[in-house]
N, C-alpha and C. Protein backbone atom coordinates (compact mmCIF):
# COMPACT_ATOMS: atom_id res chain seq x y z
N UNK A 1 172.85 60.60 86.32
CA UNK A 1 171.61 60.89 87.63
C UNK A 1 169.87 61.26 86.59
N UNK A 2 168.94 60.85 87.68
CA UNK A 2 167.23 60.65 87.40
C UNK A 2 167.38 61.81 86.73
N UNK A 3 166.50 61.84 85.65
CA UNK A 3 166.33 63.28 84.99
C UNK A 3 164.97 63.67 84.89
N UNK A 4 164.89 65.18 84.91
CA UNK A 4 163.76 65.87 85.26
C UNK A 4 163.44 66.74 84.16
N UNK A 5 162.65 66.43 84.13
CA UNK A 5 161.77 66.90 82.68
C UNK A 5 160.44 68.09 82.39
N UNK A 6 160.56 69.16 81.91
CA UNK A 6 159.10 69.89 82.01
C UNK A 6 158.67 69.36 80.25
N UNK A 7 158.02 69.62 79.89
CA UNK A 7 156.88 69.35 78.79
C UNK A 7 156.97 68.12 78.15
N UNK A 8 157.43 68.35 76.42
CA UNK A 8 157.69 66.75 75.70
C UNK A 8 158.82 66.19 75.39
N UNK A 9 159.01 65.54 75.26
CA UNK A 9 160.44 65.41 75.02
C UNK A 9 160.64 66.01 73.42
N UNK A 10 161.87 66.82 73.06
CA UNK A 10 162.11 67.19 71.63
C UNK A 10 162.78 66.21 70.70
N UNK A 11 163.58 64.48 71.77
CA UNK A 11 164.14 63.35 71.37
C UNK A 11 163.42 62.02 71.11
N UNK A 12 164.35 61.19 70.43
CA UNK A 12 163.40 60.12 70.51
C UNK A 12 163.12 59.40 71.85
N UNK A 13 164.24 59.69 73.49
CA UNK A 13 163.65 58.63 73.74
C UNK A 13 165.12 59.25 75.13
N UNK A 14 164.71 59.22 76.07
CA UNK A 14 165.37 60.17 77.36
C UNK A 14 166.49 59.46 77.31
N UNK A 15 167.66 59.66 78.36
CA UNK A 15 169.10 59.23 78.77
C UNK A 15 168.18 59.04 80.05
N UNK A 16 168.31 57.53 80.27
CA UNK A 16 167.49 56.41 81.40
C UNK A 16 169.77 56.21 82.14
N UNK A 17 169.75 56.49 83.10
CA UNK A 17 170.17 55.89 84.23
C UNK A 17 170.33 54.26 83.76
N UNK A 18 171.15 53.80 84.21
CA UNK A 18 170.63 51.59 84.27
C UNK A 18 170.75 51.60 85.55
N UNK A 19 171.05 52.15 86.30
CA UNK A 19 170.71 52.07 87.87
C UNK A 19 169.94 52.88 88.15
N UNK A 20 168.68 53.12 87.80
CA UNK A 20 168.31 53.79 89.45
C UNK A 20 166.76 53.16 89.83
N UNK A 21 166.39 53.52 90.63
CA UNK A 21 165.39 53.94 91.47
C UNK A 21 164.33 54.22 91.63
N UNK A 22 163.34 54.63 91.28
CA UNK A 22 162.51 56.30 91.78
C UNK A 22 161.20 55.24 92.93
N UNK A 23 161.45 56.21 93.56
CA UNK A 23 160.39 55.45 95.08
C UNK A 23 159.15 56.46 95.24
N UNK A 24 158.02 56.50 94.95
CA UNK A 24 156.67 57.16 95.08
C UNK A 24 156.10 57.00 96.35
N UNK A 25 156.72 57.90 97.29
CA UNK A 25 155.84 57.79 98.52
C UNK A 25 157.13 57.56 99.88
N UNK A 26 157.37 58.40 100.09
CA UNK A 26 157.99 58.86 101.41
C UNK A 26 158.15 58.98 102.64
N UNK A 27 157.00 58.60 102.77
CA UNK A 27 156.58 57.65 104.01
C UNK A 27 157.58 56.86 104.48
N UNK A 28 156.46 55.57 106.20
CA UNK A 28 157.63 54.46 106.41
C UNK A 28 158.57 53.18 105.53
N UNK A 29 157.34 52.89 104.83
CA UNK A 29 157.75 52.00 102.95
C UNK A 29 158.84 52.77 102.70
N UNK A 30 158.41 53.97 102.12
CA UNK A 30 159.33 54.53 100.80
C UNK A 30 160.65 54.87 102.04
N UNK A 31 160.83 55.70 103.15
CA UNK A 31 161.97 55.74 103.23
C UNK A 31 163.14 54.78 104.14
N UNK A 32 161.84 53.31 104.76
CA UNK A 32 162.69 52.15 104.88
C UNK A 32 163.88 51.10 103.27
N UNK A 33 162.81 51.84 102.84
CA UNK A 33 163.56 50.99 101.38
C UNK A 33 165.05 52.01 100.94
N UNK A 34 163.84 52.99 100.48
CA UNK A 34 165.43 53.98 100.45
C UNK A 34 167.16 53.88 101.67
N UNK A 35 166.54 53.71 102.57
CA UNK A 35 167.71 53.72 103.43
C UNK A 35 168.34 52.25 103.79
N UNK A 36 167.53 50.98 102.99
CA UNK A 36 167.79 49.52 102.47
C UNK A 36 169.56 50.29 101.32
N UNK A 37 168.14 50.48 100.79
CA UNK A 37 169.32 50.85 99.39
C UNK A 37 170.38 51.64 99.61
N UNK A 38 170.13 52.58 100.04
CA UNK A 38 171.90 53.70 100.64
C UNK A 38 172.67 51.77 101.24
N UNK A 39 172.44 51.57 101.86
CA UNK A 39 173.29 50.76 102.86
C UNK A 39 173.44 49.62 102.43
N UNK A 40 173.26 48.87 101.21
CA UNK A 40 174.07 48.27 100.44
C UNK A 40 175.13 48.48 99.20
N UNK A 41 175.66 49.96 99.48
CA UNK A 41 176.51 50.14 99.02
C UNK A 41 176.85 49.87 97.76
N UNK A 42 176.19 49.57 96.79
CA UNK A 42 174.88 49.90 94.87
C UNK A 42 175.76 50.97 94.90
N UNK A 43 177.48 51.00 94.39
CA UNK A 43 178.02 51.57 93.59
C UNK A 43 177.31 52.45 91.72
N UNK A 44 176.73 53.13 92.16
CA UNK A 44 176.47 53.80 91.03
C UNK A 44 174.69 54.09 90.80
N UNK A 45 174.25 53.19 92.05
CA UNK A 45 172.66 53.49 92.06
C UNK A 45 172.12 54.32 92.29
N UNK A 46 171.22 55.28 91.82
CA UNK A 46 170.69 56.57 91.97
C UNK A 46 169.42 56.08 92.36
N UNK A 47 169.06 56.60 93.59
CA UNK A 47 167.44 56.60 93.51
C UNK A 47 166.60 58.19 93.84
N UNK A 48 165.37 57.96 93.36
CA UNK A 48 164.82 59.20 94.01
C UNK A 48 163.45 58.71 94.75
N UNK A 49 163.11 60.01 95.55
CA UNK A 49 161.77 59.81 96.73
C UNK A 49 160.76 60.74 95.84
N UNK A 50 159.97 60.15 95.74
CA UNK A 50 158.91 61.89 95.69
C UNK A 50 158.02 61.52 96.23
N UNK A 51 157.55 62.52 96.98
CA UNK A 51 156.92 62.71 98.07
C UNK A 51 156.19 64.01 98.32
N UNK A 52 155.38 64.73 98.49
CA UNK A 52 154.26 65.71 98.30
C UNK A 52 154.25 66.05 99.86
N UNK A 53 154.69 65.62 101.27
CA UNK A 53 154.28 66.22 102.27
C UNK A 53 155.36 66.44 102.73
N UNK A 54 155.38 67.38 103.43
CA UNK A 54 156.23 68.90 104.11
C UNK A 54 157.64 67.99 104.26
N UNK A 55 157.33 66.56 104.98
CA UNK A 55 158.45 65.73 106.29
C UNK A 55 158.56 63.96 105.45
N UNK A 56 159.72 63.72 105.32
CA UNK A 56 159.96 62.48 105.48
C UNK A 56 159.81 61.57 106.57
N UNK A 57 158.99 60.18 106.28
CA UNK A 57 159.38 59.01 106.94
C UNK A 57 157.56 59.07 107.94
N UNK A 58 156.73 60.16 107.43
CA UNK A 58 155.89 60.18 108.67
C UNK A 58 154.36 59.93 107.87
N UNK A 59 154.40 59.88 107.22
CA UNK A 59 153.06 59.27 106.22
C UNK A 59 152.00 58.90 107.25
N UNK A 60 150.84 58.71 106.88
CA UNK A 60 149.76 59.15 107.73
C UNK A 60 149.82 58.09 108.79
N UNK A 61 150.85 56.93 109.39
CA UNK A 61 151.23 56.57 110.61
C UNK A 61 151.53 57.36 111.65
N UNK A 62 152.59 58.35 111.47
CA UNK A 62 153.61 58.87 111.79
C UNK A 62 153.39 60.55 111.74
N UNK A 63 152.29 60.54 111.31
CA UNK A 63 152.26 62.30 111.90
C UNK A 63 151.27 62.95 113.00
N UNK A 64 151.30 61.90 114.06
CA UNK A 64 150.57 62.27 114.64
C UNK A 64 151.29 63.09 115.43
N UNK A 65 150.61 63.70 116.10
CA UNK A 65 151.86 64.79 117.43
C UNK A 65 152.02 64.71 119.07
N UNK A 66 150.51 64.03 119.11
CA UNK A 66 149.85 63.63 119.98
C UNK A 66 151.06 62.88 120.34
N UNK A 67 150.82 63.02 122.27
CA UNK A 67 151.65 61.59 122.31
C UNK A 67 151.21 60.70 122.61
N UNK A 68 150.10 60.70 123.16
CA UNK A 68 149.31 59.69 124.21
C UNK A 68 149.07 58.38 122.72
N UNK A 69 149.01 59.26 121.18
CA UNK A 69 149.40 57.65 120.22
C UNK A 69 150.72 57.22 120.84
N UNK A 70 150.92 56.11 119.99
CA UNK A 70 152.47 55.22 120.91
C UNK A 70 152.21 54.25 120.09
N UNK A 71 153.96 53.73 119.19
CA UNK A 71 154.06 52.52 118.26
C UNK A 71 152.83 51.20 119.58
N UNK A 72 152.27 50.40 118.82
CA UNK A 72 152.29 49.11 119.21
C UNK A 72 153.08 48.19 119.11
N UNK A 73 154.62 48.72 119.48
CA UNK A 73 155.12 47.47 119.11
C UNK A 73 156.71 48.17 120.32
N UNK A 74 156.76 47.46 120.92
CA UNK A 74 157.79 47.92 122.16
C UNK A 74 159.00 48.42 120.84
N UNK A 75 159.91 49.38 121.60
CA UNK A 75 160.64 50.08 121.27
C UNK A 75 162.15 49.03 120.57
N UNK A 76 162.39 48.12 121.32
CA UNK A 76 163.40 47.28 121.12
C UNK A 76 163.32 46.76 119.83
N UNK A 77 162.33 46.37 119.47
CA UNK A 77 161.36 45.69 118.23
C UNK A 77 161.31 46.27 117.07
N UNK A 78 161.14 47.57 117.40
CA UNK A 78 161.42 48.55 116.04
C UNK A 78 162.48 48.99 115.17
N UNK A 79 163.73 48.87 115.26
CA UNK A 79 164.37 48.68 114.58
C UNK A 79 164.73 48.51 113.59
N UNK A 80 165.14 49.94 111.87
CA UNK A 80 164.76 49.86 110.97
C UNK A 80 165.92 48.02 110.66
N UNK A 81 167.06 48.17 110.62
CA UNK A 81 168.19 47.07 110.35
C UNK A 81 168.17 46.10 111.37
N UNK A 82 167.93 45.06 110.15
CA UNK A 82 167.91 43.61 111.32
C UNK A 82 168.89 43.38 111.84
N UNK A 83 169.77 44.11 111.38
CA UNK A 83 171.36 43.09 111.58
C UNK A 83 171.68 44.64 112.11
N UNK A 84 171.41 45.15 113.20
CA UNK A 84 171.36 46.41 114.19
C UNK A 84 170.22 47.03 115.07
N UNK A 85 169.99 45.42 115.60
CA UNK A 85 168.15 45.69 116.45
C UNK A 85 168.15 46.23 117.20
N UNK A 86 169.01 47.52 117.78
CA UNK A 86 168.89 48.83 118.98
C UNK A 86 169.12 49.74 118.43
N UNK A 87 169.08 50.34 116.76
CA UNK A 87 169.23 51.28 116.43
C UNK A 87 168.20 51.76 116.34
N UNK A 88 167.27 51.60 116.75
CA UNK A 88 165.51 52.77 117.57
C UNK A 88 166.44 53.28 118.93
N UNK A 89 167.24 52.17 119.40
CA UNK A 89 166.93 52.33 120.85
C UNK A 89 167.96 52.88 121.13
N UNK A 90 168.79 52.87 120.33
CA UNK A 90 170.50 54.19 120.85
C UNK A 90 169.83 54.61 120.16
N UNK A 91 169.08 55.83 119.73
CA UNK A 91 168.58 56.97 118.95
C UNK A 91 167.56 57.42 119.84
N UNK A 92 166.70 57.35 120.67
CA UNK A 92 166.16 57.73 121.70
C UNK A 92 166.91 57.66 123.01
N UNK A 93 168.25 57.05 123.00
CA UNK A 93 169.65 57.45 123.84
C UNK A 93 169.78 58.91 124.29
N UNK A 94 170.09 58.94 122.65
CA UNK A 94 170.93 59.72 121.83
C UNK A 94 170.34 61.40 122.12
N UNK A 95 169.07 61.29 122.31
CA UNK A 95 168.28 62.76 122.10
C UNK A 95 167.71 62.54 123.64
N UNK A 96 168.10 61.68 124.90
CA UNK A 96 167.86 62.20 126.27
C UNK A 96 166.08 61.52 126.26
N UNK A 97 165.66 60.80 125.75
CA UNK A 97 164.14 59.87 126.00
C UNK A 97 164.11 59.48 127.10
N UNK A 98 163.62 59.93 127.87
CA UNK A 98 163.56 58.67 129.83
C UNK A 98 162.70 57.62 129.11
N UNK A 99 163.65 56.54 128.51
CA UNK A 99 163.20 54.83 129.02
C UNK A 99 164.55 54.18 129.68
N UNK A 100 163.59 53.21 130.52
CA UNK A 100 163.59 52.11 131.67
C UNK A 100 164.72 51.13 130.89
N UNK A 101 164.22 51.24 130.06
CA UNK A 101 164.03 49.15 129.79
C UNK A 101 163.21 49.78 128.23
N UNK A 102 163.93 49.33 126.66
CA UNK A 102 163.17 49.75 125.43
C UNK A 102 162.71 48.10 125.21
N UNK A 103 162.60 47.23 126.19
CA UNK A 103 161.86 46.20 125.80
C UNK A 103 160.23 45.95 126.36
N UNK A 104 160.36 47.25 126.84
CA UNK A 104 158.96 47.37 127.75
C UNK A 104 158.40 48.89 127.37
N UNK A 105 159.55 49.80 126.74
CA UNK A 105 158.96 50.96 126.42
C UNK A 105 158.18 51.53 125.05
N UNK A 106 157.20 52.13 125.17
CA UNK A 106 156.20 52.37 123.66
C UNK A 106 156.11 53.47 123.23
N UNK A 107 157.13 54.02 122.44
CA UNK A 107 157.30 54.90 121.99
C UNK A 107 155.88 56.29 121.32
N UNK A 108 156.01 57.07 121.51
CA UNK A 108 154.76 57.91 120.63
C UNK A 108 156.10 57.13 118.99
N UNK A 109 154.06 57.73 118.18
CA UNK A 109 154.31 57.70 117.26
C UNK A 109 155.21 58.81 115.87
N UNK A 110 155.35 59.99 117.17
CA UNK A 110 155.69 61.27 116.39
C UNK A 110 157.06 60.78 116.54
N UNK A 111 157.91 60.02 117.29
CA UNK A 111 159.17 60.29 117.30
C UNK A 111 159.88 58.98 116.27
N UNK A 112 158.93 57.74 116.57
CA UNK A 112 158.99 57.39 115.29
C UNK A 112 159.26 58.09 114.23
N UNK A 113 158.53 58.73 113.83
CA UNK A 113 158.14 59.65 112.74
C UNK A 113 159.72 60.28 112.19
N UNK A 114 160.13 60.44 113.36
CA UNK A 114 161.12 61.67 113.55
C UNK A 114 162.93 60.66 113.18
N UNK A 115 162.70 60.00 113.92
CA UNK A 115 163.38 58.38 113.33
C UNK A 115 163.88 58.46 112.35
N UNK A 116 162.48 58.35 111.35
CA UNK A 116 162.47 57.96 110.07
C UNK A 116 162.75 59.08 108.93
N UNK A 117 161.96 59.60 109.06
CA UNK A 117 162.80 61.06 108.64
C UNK A 117 164.90 61.09 108.69
N UNK A 118 165.52 61.43 109.85
CA UNK A 118 166.59 60.77 110.02
C UNK A 118 167.37 59.51 109.36
N UNK A 119 166.56 58.57 109.35
CA UNK A 119 167.13 57.60 108.45
C UNK A 119 168.31 58.26 107.01
N UNK A 120 166.94 58.80 106.63
CA UNK A 120 168.39 59.23 105.23
C UNK A 120 169.29 60.15 105.14
N UNK A 121 169.57 60.72 107.03
CA UNK A 121 170.85 61.95 106.32
C UNK A 121 172.16 61.65 107.74
N UNK A 122 171.52 59.79 107.94
CA UNK A 122 172.48 59.80 108.26
C UNK A 122 174.03 59.26 106.92
N UNK A 123 175.36 59.06 107.79
CA UNK A 123 176.11 59.35 107.27
C UNK A 123 176.05 58.12 105.92
N UNK A 124 176.13 58.22 104.58
CA UNK A 124 176.06 57.39 103.46
C UNK A 124 177.69 56.81 103.02
N UNK A 125 177.78 55.48 102.56
CA UNK A 125 178.85 55.01 102.84
C UNK A 125 179.51 55.56 100.82
N UNK A 126 180.98 56.35 100.70
CA UNK A 126 181.43 56.77 100.00
C UNK A 126 181.29 55.98 98.51
N UNK A 127 180.14 56.36 98.00
CA UNK A 127 181.27 55.84 96.41
C UNK A 127 179.81 55.48 95.43
N UNK A 128 178.52 54.75 96.93
CA UNK A 128 177.77 54.40 97.50
C UNK A 128 176.10 55.16 96.64
N UNK A 129 175.06 54.74 97.13
CA UNK A 129 174.06 55.01 95.82
C UNK A 129 174.07 56.47 96.33
N UNK A 130 173.71 57.61 95.71
CA UNK A 130 172.98 58.79 95.65
C UNK A 130 172.11 59.03 95.58
N UNK A 131 170.94 59.45 96.46
CA UNK A 131 169.63 59.65 96.75
C UNK A 131 169.43 61.29 96.49
N UNK A 132 168.27 61.66 95.90
CA UNK A 132 167.57 63.01 95.88
C UNK A 132 166.04 62.55 96.07
N UNK A 133 165.31 63.91 96.67
CA UNK A 133 164.48 63.48 97.21
C UNK A 133 163.73 64.94 96.72
N UNK A 134 162.51 64.35 96.26
CA UNK A 134 161.91 65.91 94.68
C UNK A 134 160.43 65.72 96.08
N UNK A 135 160.31 67.03 96.17
CA UNK A 135 158.82 67.31 96.81
C UNK A 135 157.78 67.49 95.86
N UNK A 136 157.35 66.94 95.60
CA UNK A 136 155.66 67.40 95.14
C UNK A 136 155.28 65.22 94.85
N UNK A 137 154.19 65.98 93.96
CA UNK A 137 153.27 64.64 93.90
C UNK A 137 153.16 63.48 92.41
N UNK A 138 153.13 62.59 92.51
CA UNK A 138 153.20 61.90 91.09
C UNK A 138 151.89 61.40 90.70
N UNK A 139 151.39 61.80 89.30
CA UNK A 139 150.49 61.56 89.46
C UNK A 139 150.46 61.03 87.92
N UNK A 140 151.07 60.64 87.33
CA UNK A 140 150.37 59.28 86.59
C UNK A 140 152.05 58.36 86.36
N UNK A 141 152.25 57.51 86.07
CA UNK A 141 152.82 56.50 85.75
C UNK A 141 153.36 54.99 84.40
N UNK A 142 154.09 56.00 83.43
CA UNK A 142 154.26 55.04 82.04
C UNK A 142 154.49 54.43 81.82
N UNK A 143 155.00 53.07 81.09
CA UNK A 143 155.96 52.33 80.93
C UNK A 143 156.37 52.57 79.78
N UNK A 144 157.66 52.61 79.18
CA UNK A 144 157.79 52.96 77.78
C UNK A 144 159.36 52.05 77.86
N UNK A 145 159.92 52.31 76.34
CA UNK A 145 160.25 51.56 75.28
C UNK A 145 161.81 51.53 76.15
N UNK A 146 161.75 51.08 76.97
CA UNK A 146 163.30 50.63 78.80
C UNK A 146 163.13 51.46 79.29
N UNK A 147 162.17 52.32 79.43
CA UNK A 147 162.01 53.01 80.79
C UNK A 147 161.04 53.14 81.40
N UNK A 148 160.53 53.68 82.95
CA UNK A 148 159.57 54.53 82.73
C UNK A 148 158.87 56.26 83.40
N UNK A 149 158.39 56.70 83.06
CA UNK A 149 157.70 57.73 83.05
C UNK A 149 157.19 58.05 84.34
N UNK A 150 157.97 58.64 84.66
CA UNK A 150 156.41 59.05 85.82
C UNK A 150 157.26 61.01 86.11
N UNK A 151 155.11 60.81 85.10
CA UNK A 151 154.48 62.05 85.61
C UNK A 151 154.27 63.33 87.43
N UNK A 152 154.33 64.35 87.48
CA UNK A 152 154.59 65.03 88.20
C UNK A 152 153.20 66.05 88.32
N UNK A 153 152.43 66.78 89.47
CA UNK A 153 152.22 67.79 89.29
C UNK A 153 152.41 68.72 89.13
N UNK A 154 153.47 69.05 89.03
CA UNK A 154 154.19 70.10 88.23
C UNK A 154 154.42 70.47 86.84
N UNK A 155 153.74 69.84 86.01
CA UNK A 155 154.13 69.19 84.75
C UNK A 155 155.46 68.36 84.67
N UNK A 156 155.95 68.40 85.41
CA UNK A 156 157.53 67.46 84.63
C UNK A 156 157.31 66.08 84.94
N UNK A 157 158.69 65.21 84.62
CA UNK A 157 158.60 63.83 84.77
C UNK A 157 159.62 63.98 84.83
N UNK A 158 159.69 62.52 85.86
CA UNK A 158 160.96 62.42 86.13
C UNK A 158 161.17 60.47 85.16
N UNK A 159 162.13 60.08 84.96
CA UNK A 159 162.73 59.14 84.27
C UNK A 159 163.27 57.95 85.47
N UNK A 160 163.27 56.81 85.14
CA UNK A 160 164.00 55.37 85.55
C UNK A 160 163.86 53.94 85.58
N UNK A 161 164.86 53.75 85.46
CA UNK A 161 164.87 51.79 85.36
C UNK A 161 163.62 51.23 85.69
N UNK A 162 163.62 52.12 86.93
CA UNK A 162 163.23 51.23 87.92
C UNK A 162 162.18 51.33 88.82
N UNK A 163 160.83 51.44 89.32
CA UNK A 163 159.86 51.99 90.90
C UNK A 163 159.34 51.35 91.70
N UNK A 164 159.53 52.17 92.67
CA UNK A 164 158.76 51.35 93.89
C UNK A 164 157.28 51.70 93.58
N UNK A 165 155.85 52.08 95.03
CA UNK A 165 154.99 52.13 94.77
C UNK A 165 155.19 52.50 96.27
N UNK A 166 155.26 52.63 97.12
CA UNK A 166 155.15 53.01 98.64
C UNK A 166 154.13 54.17 98.93
N UNK A 167 153.35 53.94 98.36
CA UNK A 167 151.94 55.13 98.41
C UNK A 167 151.06 54.94 99.72
N UNK A 168 151.48 54.48 100.60
CA UNK A 168 150.83 53.93 101.26
C UNK A 168 148.93 54.69 101.69
N UNK A 169 148.31 55.41 102.84
CA UNK A 169 147.28 55.82 102.46
C UNK A 169 147.09 56.99 102.88
N UNK A 170 146.23 57.40 101.52
CA UNK A 170 146.26 58.63 101.42
C UNK A 170 145.00 59.81 101.99
N UNK A 171 144.60 60.37 102.44
CA UNK A 171 143.66 61.44 103.49
C UNK A 171 143.01 62.59 103.24
N UNK A 172 141.68 63.07 102.95
CA UNK A 172 141.39 64.28 102.90
C UNK A 172 140.41 64.57 104.30
N UNK A 173 140.78 65.78 104.58
CA UNK A 173 139.99 65.98 105.70
C UNK A 173 138.61 67.23 105.59
N UNK A 174 137.53 66.73 106.69
CA UNK A 174 137.21 67.14 105.44
C UNK A 174 136.94 69.05 106.82
N UNK A 175 135.72 69.46 106.31
CA UNK A 175 135.52 70.80 107.84
C UNK A 175 135.40 70.51 108.85
N UNK A 176 134.78 69.20 109.44
CA UNK A 176 134.18 68.87 110.71
C UNK A 176 135.30 68.29 111.10
N UNK A 177 137.20 68.31 110.04
CA UNK A 177 138.43 67.62 110.83
C UNK A 177 138.32 66.27 111.15
N UNK A 178 136.89 65.38 110.09
CA UNK A 178 136.86 63.54 109.80
C UNK A 178 138.32 63.45 108.57
N UNK A 179 137.97 62.69 108.74
CA UNK A 179 139.07 62.23 106.95
C UNK A 179 138.18 61.69 106.33
N UNK A 180 138.81 61.34 105.09
CA UNK A 180 138.54 60.93 103.60
C UNK A 180 138.80 59.94 103.75
N UNK A 181 138.59 58.28 103.78
CA UNK A 181 139.27 57.47 103.45
C UNK A 181 138.96 57.05 101.77
N UNK A 182 138.94 57.16 101.04
CA UNK A 182 138.79 57.05 99.03
C UNK A 182 137.50 55.39 99.69
N UNK A 183 138.71 54.37 100.00
CA UNK A 183 138.09 52.63 100.69
C UNK A 183 137.09 52.75 100.79
N UNK A 184 137.08 53.61 102.36
CA UNK A 184 136.57 53.33 103.53
C UNK A 184 134.44 53.54 102.90
N UNK A 185 133.64 53.16 103.80
CA UNK A 185 132.50 53.59 104.18
C UNK A 185 132.46 54.65 105.31
N UNK A 186 133.28 54.68 106.12
CA UNK A 186 133.00 54.86 106.92
C UNK A 186 134.47 55.50 107.08
N UNK A 187 134.32 57.02 107.64
CA UNK A 187 135.11 57.51 107.77
C UNK A 187 135.50 58.28 109.24
N UNK A 188 136.98 57.52 110.09
CA UNK A 188 136.53 57.63 111.29
C UNK A 188 137.83 59.16 111.62
N UNK A 189 137.89 60.03 113.00
CA UNK A 189 138.60 60.83 113.59
C UNK A 189 140.60 60.88 112.30
N UNK A 190 140.90 62.06 112.27
CA UNK A 190 142.00 61.14 111.79
C UNK A 190 142.71 61.52 113.54
N UNK A 191 144.19 60.25 112.74
CA UNK A 191 144.73 59.80 113.41
C UNK A 191 145.39 60.77 114.83
N UNK A 192 146.01 62.24 113.99
CA UNK A 192 146.26 62.97 114.77
C UNK A 192 145.40 64.43 115.41
N UNK A 193 144.19 63.91 115.71
CA UNK A 193 143.42 64.89 116.21
C UNK A 193 142.49 64.04 117.67
N UNK A 194 142.74 64.20 118.56
CA UNK A 194 142.26 64.12 119.89
C UNK A 194 140.46 62.87 119.41
N UNK A 195 140.33 62.03 120.26
CA UNK A 195 139.18 61.34 120.03
C UNK A 195 137.85 61.83 120.67
N UNK A 196 137.28 62.47 120.52
CA UNK A 196 135.74 63.11 121.54
C UNK A 196 135.34 61.88 121.65
N UNK A 197 134.96 61.51 123.24
CA UNK A 197 134.40 61.04 124.45
C UNK A 197 133.60 61.07 124.71
């Protein structure tokens, strides 16, 4: 199991599972990576997702609640798995979303975010990879002797053999409801707010 601890180590080094992966970020990229690792059937693999947001799979791209914010790719081409191209279309139909043809339907981004969040709750292979979700923010990453240490905002740390960065875009809102993008000079409206005309 991936180790979490508070404070400093009293021992020379923690016991790190030899088959452990920490994923920093639980948006679309982090969830899709974890879903593929879970499907791999890799017995003994331990996966930890570190995500500060309340829900998985949303990130900036799929956190909007406005139905007008739709995907720019047809539902038929949005499967999470190449070997199961109808996966997303079946998910929509199972929820009674009225679509005539997935090859012409552009789903709301909110629905795709829900779909991604549910990917990790689907039945997992017995004896396959194990998943843990840590509701926290990773603030530092250190290469140690034979392992990685991920320090969290609450003062604890997680150790793993490998780490995947899937941090996406982080935004901060101003009092006027604008998004502050750290590497952009202009600040467009946030994607989950209506654009004033």
